[in-house]
Amino acid sequence: MIAGDKVTDRLPAGSVLTVTSTSTGVGYVVRYGALTNLPDTGFMSIAGANLSVGPFGTEQRFEIRVDTGIVSYSMAPFDPALNERVPGNDVVELYGAVTPVDYTDGTPPATGEGVAGPGSTYTDYVGAQLYINAGTKAEPIWKIFQRSA
């Protein structure tokens, strides 16, 4: 994608959206709300850096826009086996630019629902917070990690 390009695409449940950029690539990624055509709180800036979001328990819709430079994106099923940081297939490390969503029995879908088992982590790299799943793989509940002084 080049400057001026904009695309809206659907990310399948359980997949990860990866956006790569040249050093001059500038734009944004917006996650749309599940029940509306309005942007959700998931706004992420592309500023010469790569980012990944997901997986989510249900299909999600994203808009990617390029203001300058060159940006590309891809979608692939999340593969916990590729995560070298943690043992086991249910403990995963997720990250994104927004606070993770807890399980609420419906809408919006929980971050990592059906993927992230107890003890999984989520890093909000914009808010500089680390969360741990204190719920289950089916019903994640994200708690802020507090370190002792």
Protein backbone atom coordinates (compact mmCIF):
# COMPACT_ATOMS: atom_id res chain seq x y z
CA MET A 1 0.00 0.00 0.00
CA ILE A 2 1.25 3.50 -0.78
CA ALA A 3 0.36 7.04 0.32
CA GLY A 4 -3.35 7.71 -0.05
CA ASP A 5 -4.37 4.03 0.03
CA LYS A 6 -7.07 2.91 2.45
CA VAL A 7 -8.48 -0.59 2.87
CA THR A 8 -11.09 -2.15 5.14
CA ASP A 9 -10.65 -5.85 5.79
CA ARG A 10 -12.02 -8.59 8.06
CA LEU A 11 -9.72 -10.44 10.42
CA PRO A 12 -10.97 -13.99 10.99
CA ALA A 13 -11.48 -15.20 14.57
CA GLY A 14 -8.27 -16.55 16.06
CA SER A 15 -6.05 -14.68 13.60
CA VAL A 16 -3.44 -11.97 13.98
CA LEU A 17 -3.21 -8.82 11.84
CA THR A 18 0.40 -7.78 11.20
CA VAL A 19 1.16 -4.38 9.71
CA THR A 20 4.69 -3.69 8.46
CA SER A 21 6.04 -0.32 7.45
CA THR A 22 9.09 1.29 5.90
CA SER A 23 10.91 3.81 8.09
CA THR A 24 8.88 6.57 6.41
CA GLY A 25 5.54 4.74 6.57
CA VAL A 26 2.89 6.79 8.40
CA GLY A 27 -0.82 6.04 8.75
CA TYR A 28 -3.21 4.29 11.09
CA VAL A 29 -5.11 1.10 11.85
CA VAL A 30 -8.63 1.30 13.31
CA ARG A 31 -10.66 -1.59 14.73
CA TYR A 32 -14.36 -1.12 14.04
CA GLY A 33 -17.06 -1.85 16.60
CA ALA A 34 -18.84 -5.18 16.34
CA LEU A 35 -22.34 -3.69 16.05
CA THR A 36 -21.68 -0.39 14.29
CA ASN A 37 -19.77 1.06 11.39
CA LEU A 38 -18.07 3.50 13.74
CA PRO A 39 -14.47 3.11 14.87
CA ASP A 40 -13.95 1.33 18.17
CA THR A 41 -11.40 2.46 20.75
CA GLY A 42 -8.77 0.42 18.89
CA PHE A 43 -6.89 3.20 17.07
CA MET A 44 -3.24 2.46 16.37
CA SER A 45 -0.77 4.79 14.71
CA ILE A 46 1.65 3.53 12.07
CA ALA A 47 4.82 5.59 12.36
CA GLY A 48 7.71 3.74 10.76
CA ALA A 49 7.21 0.70 13.00
CA ASN A 50 5.58 -2.71 12.74
CA LEU A 51 2.58 -3.74 14.83
CA SER A 52 0.42 -6.80 15.41
CA VAL A 53 -3.05 -7.15 16.91
CA GLY A 54 -5.11 -10.16 17.85
CA PRO A 55 -6.12 -12.82 18.15
CA PHE A 56 -9.79 -12.16 18.93
CA GLY A 57 -12.51 -14.70 19.68
CA THR A 58 -14.69 -13.48 16.80
CA GLU A 59 -14.18 -11.91 13.40
CA GLN A 60 -13.10 -8.26 13.58
CA ARG A 61 -13.08 -5.47 11.00
CA PHE A 62 -10.11 -3.16 10.54
CA GLU A 63 -9.33 -0.13 8.40
CA ILE A 64 -5.73 0.52 7.38
CA ARG A 65 -4.76 3.87 5.88
CA VAL A 66 -1.40 5.04 4.55
CA ASP A 67 -0.54 8.75 4.68
CA THR A 68 3.11 8.54 3.56
CA GLY A 69 5.64 5.85 2.70
CA ILE A 70 4.87 2.18 2.10
CA VAL A 71 2.86 -0.10 4.39
CA SER A 72 1.79 -3.72 3.98
CA TYR A 73 -0.38 -6.01 6.05
CA SER A 74 -1.05 -9.70 6.44
CA MET A 75 -3.39 -11.95 8.39
CA ALA A 76 -2.57 -15.41 9.68
CA PRO A 77 -3.99 -17.82 12.24
CA PHE A 78 -2.40 -17.35 15.66
CA ASP A 79 0.02 -20.17 16.39
CA PRO A 80 0.88 -20.51 20.10
CA ALA A 81 3.64 -22.98 19.17
CA LEU A 82 5.56 -20.09 17.59
CA ASN A 83 5.61 -18.23 20.88
CA GLU A 84 9.01 -19.15 22.34
CA ARG A 85 8.64 -17.08 25.53
CA VAL A 86 6.24 -19.32 27.41
CA PRO A 87 5.77 -23.08 27.80
CA GLY A 88 2.62 -24.91 26.79
CA ASN A 89 0.04 -24.16 24.13
CA ASP A 90 -2.50 -22.33 26.30
CA VAL A 91 -0.15 -19.70 27.74
CA VAL A 92 0.47 -17.00 25.15
CA GLU A 93 1.80 -13.47 24.97
CA LEU A 94 -0.50 -10.96 23.27
CA TYR A 95 -0.02 -7.27 22.65
CA GLY A 96 -1.82 -4.30 21.21
CA ALA A 97 -2.42 -0.57 21.45
CA VAL A 98 -5.53 -0.71 23.64
CA THR A 99 -6.61 -2.08 27.02
CA PRO A 100 -7.62 -5.77 26.70
CA VAL A 101 -11.33 -6.60 26.78
CA ASP A 102 -12.61 -8.94 29.53
CA TYR A 103 -15.14 -11.71 28.84
CA THR A 104 -18.72 -10.41 29.08
CA ASP A 105 -20.72 -13.24 27.45
CA GLY A 106 -21.08 -11.56 24.09
CA THR A 107 -20.20 -8.17 22.70
CA PRO A 108 -17.52 -7.04 22.52
CA PRO A 109 -15.54 -10.26 22.25
CA ALA A 110 -12.86 -10.74 24.88
CA THR A 111 -9.24 -10.26 23.94
CA GLY A 112 -7.69 -13.71 23.45
CA GLU A 113 -11.03 -15.50 23.91
CA GLY A 114 -10.57 -19.18 23.04
CA VAL A 115 -6.80 -18.68 22.66
CA ALA A 116 -5.20 -17.25 25.81
CA GLY A 117 -5.23 -19.63 28.77
CA PRO A 118 -4.75 -18.69 32.44
CA GLY A 119 -1.41 -16.99 33.00
CA SER A 120 -1.24 -15.55 29.48
CA THR A 121 -0.04 -11.98 29.23
CA TYR A 122 -1.19 -8.96 27.25
CA THR A 123 0.94 -5.85 26.81
CA ASP A 124 -0.75 -2.53 26.07
CA TYR A 125 2.26 -0.86 24.46
CA VAL A 126 0.56 2.55 24.23
CA GLY A 127 -0.63 2.61 27.85
CA ALA A 128 2.56 0.87 29.04
CA GLN A 129 0.61 -1.73 31.06
CA LEU A 130 1.07 -5.46 31.42
CA TYR A 131 -2.00 -7.65 32.05
CA ILE A 132 -2.34 -11.29 33.10
CA ASN A 133 -5.32 -13.53 32.28
CA ALA A 134 -6.80 -14.52 35.64
CA GLY A 135 -9.80 -16.13 33.94
CA THR A 136 -9.96 -19.13 31.64
CA LYS A 137 -9.15 -19.73 28.00
CA ALA A 138 -12.89 -19.58 27.20
CA GLU A 139 -13.57 -16.55 29.44
CA PRO A 140 -10.45 -14.36 29.84
CA ILE A 141 -10.37 -11.78 32.62
CA TRP A 142 -7.39 -9.41 32.32
CA LYS A 143 -5.80 -8.07 35.53
CA ILE A 144 -3.10 -5.40 35.61
CA PHE A 145 0.21 -6.89 36.70
CA GLN A 146 1.46 -5.12 39.83
CA ARG A 147 5.09 -5.48 40.76
CA SER A 148 6.24 -5.07 44.34
CA ALA A 149 8.74 -2.38 45.27
